[in-house]
Protein backbone atom coordinates (compact mmCIF):
# COMPACT_ATOMS: atom_id res chain seq x y z
CA UNK A 1 -171.86 58.91 55.60
CA UNK A 2 -174.21 58.45 58.53
CA UNK A 3 -177.10 60.74 59.32
CA UNK A 4 -178.65 61.04 62.78
CA UNK A 5 -182.16 62.40 63.28
CA UNK A 6 -183.18 63.19 66.87
CA UNK A 7 -186.60 63.80 68.36
CA UNK A 8 -188.38 63.91 71.70
CA UNK A 9 -187.00 66.97 73.45
CA UNK A 10 -189.55 69.27 75.09
CA UNK A 11 -190.46 71.20 78.22
CA UNK A 12 -191.30 68.96 81.19
CA UNK A 13 -191.73 69.31 84.95
CA UNK A 14 -189.31 68.09 87.59
CA UNK A 15 -189.94 64.42 88.31
CA UNK A 16 -191.36 63.71 84.86
CA UNK A 17 -190.14 61.06 82.42
CA UNK A 18 -189.12 61.60 78.82
CA UNK A 19 -187.69 59.43 76.04
CA UNK A 20 -185.40 60.79 73.34
CA UNK A 21 -185.10 58.99 70.01
CA UNK A 22 -182.27 58.88 67.49
CA UNK A 23 -182.78 57.46 64.00
CA UNK A 24 -179.65 56.53 62.05
CA UNK A 25 -179.49 56.26 58.27
CA UNK A 26 -176.84 55.87 55.61
CA UNK A 27 -173.88 53.55 56.10
CA UNK A 28 -175.00 52.33 59.51
CA UNK A 29 -172.91 49.15 59.21
CA UNK A 30 -169.86 51.31 59.99
CA UNK A 31 -171.15 52.22 63.47
CA UNK A 32 -169.32 50.59 66.38
CA UNK A 33 -171.20 52.40 69.13
CA UNK A 34 -173.55 55.23 69.96
CA UNK A 35 -173.87 57.71 72.79
CA UNK A 36 -175.78 60.67 74.14
CA UNK A 37 -174.05 63.89 75.15
CA UNK A 38 -175.54 67.08 76.53
CA UNK A 39 -174.56 70.73 76.76
CA UNK A 40 -176.08 73.33 79.05
CA UNK A 41 -175.70 77.08 78.44
CA UNK A 42 -172.21 78.23 79.36
CA UNK A 43 -171.05 74.66 79.98
CA UNK A 44 -168.89 72.20 78.09
CA UNK A 45 -170.46 69.29 76.28
CA UNK A 46 -170.53 66.28 78.61
CA UNK A 47 -171.01 62.55 78.23
CA UNK A 48 -174.37 61.18 79.37
CA UNK A 49 -174.66 57.55 78.25
CA UNK A 50 -173.06 55.16 75.76
CA UNK A 51 -173.76 51.77 74.22
CA UNK A 52 -171.73 49.43 72.01
CA UNK A 53 -172.84 47.89 68.71
CA UNK A 54 -174.01 44.58 70.16
CA UNK A 55 -175.81 46.47 72.97
CA UNK A 56 -174.30 44.32 75.71
CA UNK A 57 -172.17 47.10 77.23
CA UNK A 58 -173.52 50.40 78.52
CA UNK A 59 -172.02 53.26 80.49
CA UNK A 60 -173.47 56.30 82.24
CA UNK A 61 -172.39 59.54 83.80
CA UNK A 62 -172.65 59.37 87.59
CA UNK A 63 -175.24 62.14 87.62
CA UNK A 64 -177.72 60.10 85.55
CA UNK A 65 -176.84 56.42 86.12
CA UNK A 66 -179.84 55.64 88.34
CA UNK A 67 -182.33 57.62 86.28
CA UNK A 68 -181.46 57.26 82.57
CA UNK A 69 -181.33 54.19 80.34
CA UNK A 70 -179.75 53.96 76.89
CA UNK A 71 -180.87 51.33 74.40
CA UNK A 72 -180.43 50.49 70.71
CA UNK A 73 -181.97 48.35 68.00
CA UNK A 74 -179.68 47.66 65.04
CA UNK A 75 -182.41 46.30 62.77
CA UNK A 76 -184.46 49.46 63.22
CA UNK A 77 -181.33 51.66 63.24
CA UNK A 78 -182.64 53.41 66.33
CA UNK A 79 -181.26 54.47 69.69
CA UNK A 80 -183.14 55.82 72.68
CA UNK A 81 -182.46 57.59 75.93
CA UNK A 82 -185.10 56.91 78.57
CA UNK A 83 -185.05 59.65 81.19
CA UNK A 84 -186.84 59.40 84.54
CA UNK A 85 -187.02 61.57 87.67
CA UNK A 86 -185.87 64.56 85.67
CA UNK A 87 -184.27 67.45 87.52
CA UNK A 88 -183.82 71.11 86.54
CA UNK A 89 -180.07 70.46 86.26
CA UNK A 90 -180.83 68.02 83.44
CA UNK A 91 -181.83 70.99 81.28
CA UNK A 92 -179.57 71.00 78.22
CA UNK A 93 -179.34 70.37 74.52
CA UNK A 94 -179.01 66.62 74.08
CA UNK A 95 -176.99 65.23 71.17
CA UNK A 96 -177.01 61.76 69.67
CA UNK A 97 -173.60 60.59 68.46
CA UNK A 98 -172.22 57.60 66.54
CA UNK A 99 -168.62 56.40 66.34
CA UNK A 100 -166.74 54.53 63.66
CA UNK A 101 -163.87 53.83 66.06
CA UNK A 102 -163.45 50.54 67.88
CA UNK A 103 -163.30 51.37 71.61
CA UNK A 104 -161.89 49.22 74.38
CA UNK A 105 -163.16 50.26 77.79
CA UNK A 106 -165.44 53.07 78.93
CA UNK A 107 -162.66 55.65 78.85
CA UNK A 108 -162.67 55.60 75.06
CA UNK A 109 -166.44 55.59 74.63
CA UNK A 110 -166.86 58.62 76.91
CA UNK A 111 -164.64 60.93 74.88
CA UNK A 112 -166.46 63.11 72.38
CA UNK A 113 -163.49 63.19 70.01
CA UNK A 114 -164.00 59.49 69.28
CA UNK A 115 -167.42 60.08 67.72
CA UNK A 116 -167.64 60.72 64.01
CA UNK A 117 -171.28 61.66 63.48
CA UNK A 118 -173.59 63.91 65.45
CA UNK A 119 -177.26 64.80 65.46
CA UNK A 120 -178.50 68.36 65.41
CA UNK A 121 -179.39 68.36 69.11
CA UNK A 122 -182.76 68.43 70.84
CA UNK A 123 -183.65 70.77 73.70
CA UNK A 124 -184.77 69.30 77.01
CA UNK A 125 -186.02 71.81 79.56
CA UNK A 126 -187.00 70.74 83.07
CA UNK A 127 -188.95 73.25 85.13
CA UNK A 128 -188.97 73.23 88.92
């Protein structure tokens, strides 16, 4: 089993920066990649950013690619989502996810069904 513990979500103003953290514990050697998803009220959960185990491949949703950065440290068993130039439309519950599956290409890593473990979610609210 893998446990994910998220932190960092809070109320911020438009244009602010915020970093979300995800601490992984348990059988972390089984993790092939990690990602961040988000879900706004009345919306489906959507992919935000992903990173592979060796941290040499990253992918981003088009809406965040120039503003967000995903990173990971395997020794510390930590992942982060650095968020800049936040907009009200970024308001959502953000989820950290880890996958046991081996993915080839971004199409696999962007699909939520390929992730085996999920954090509890952390609320990010961006006021105008």
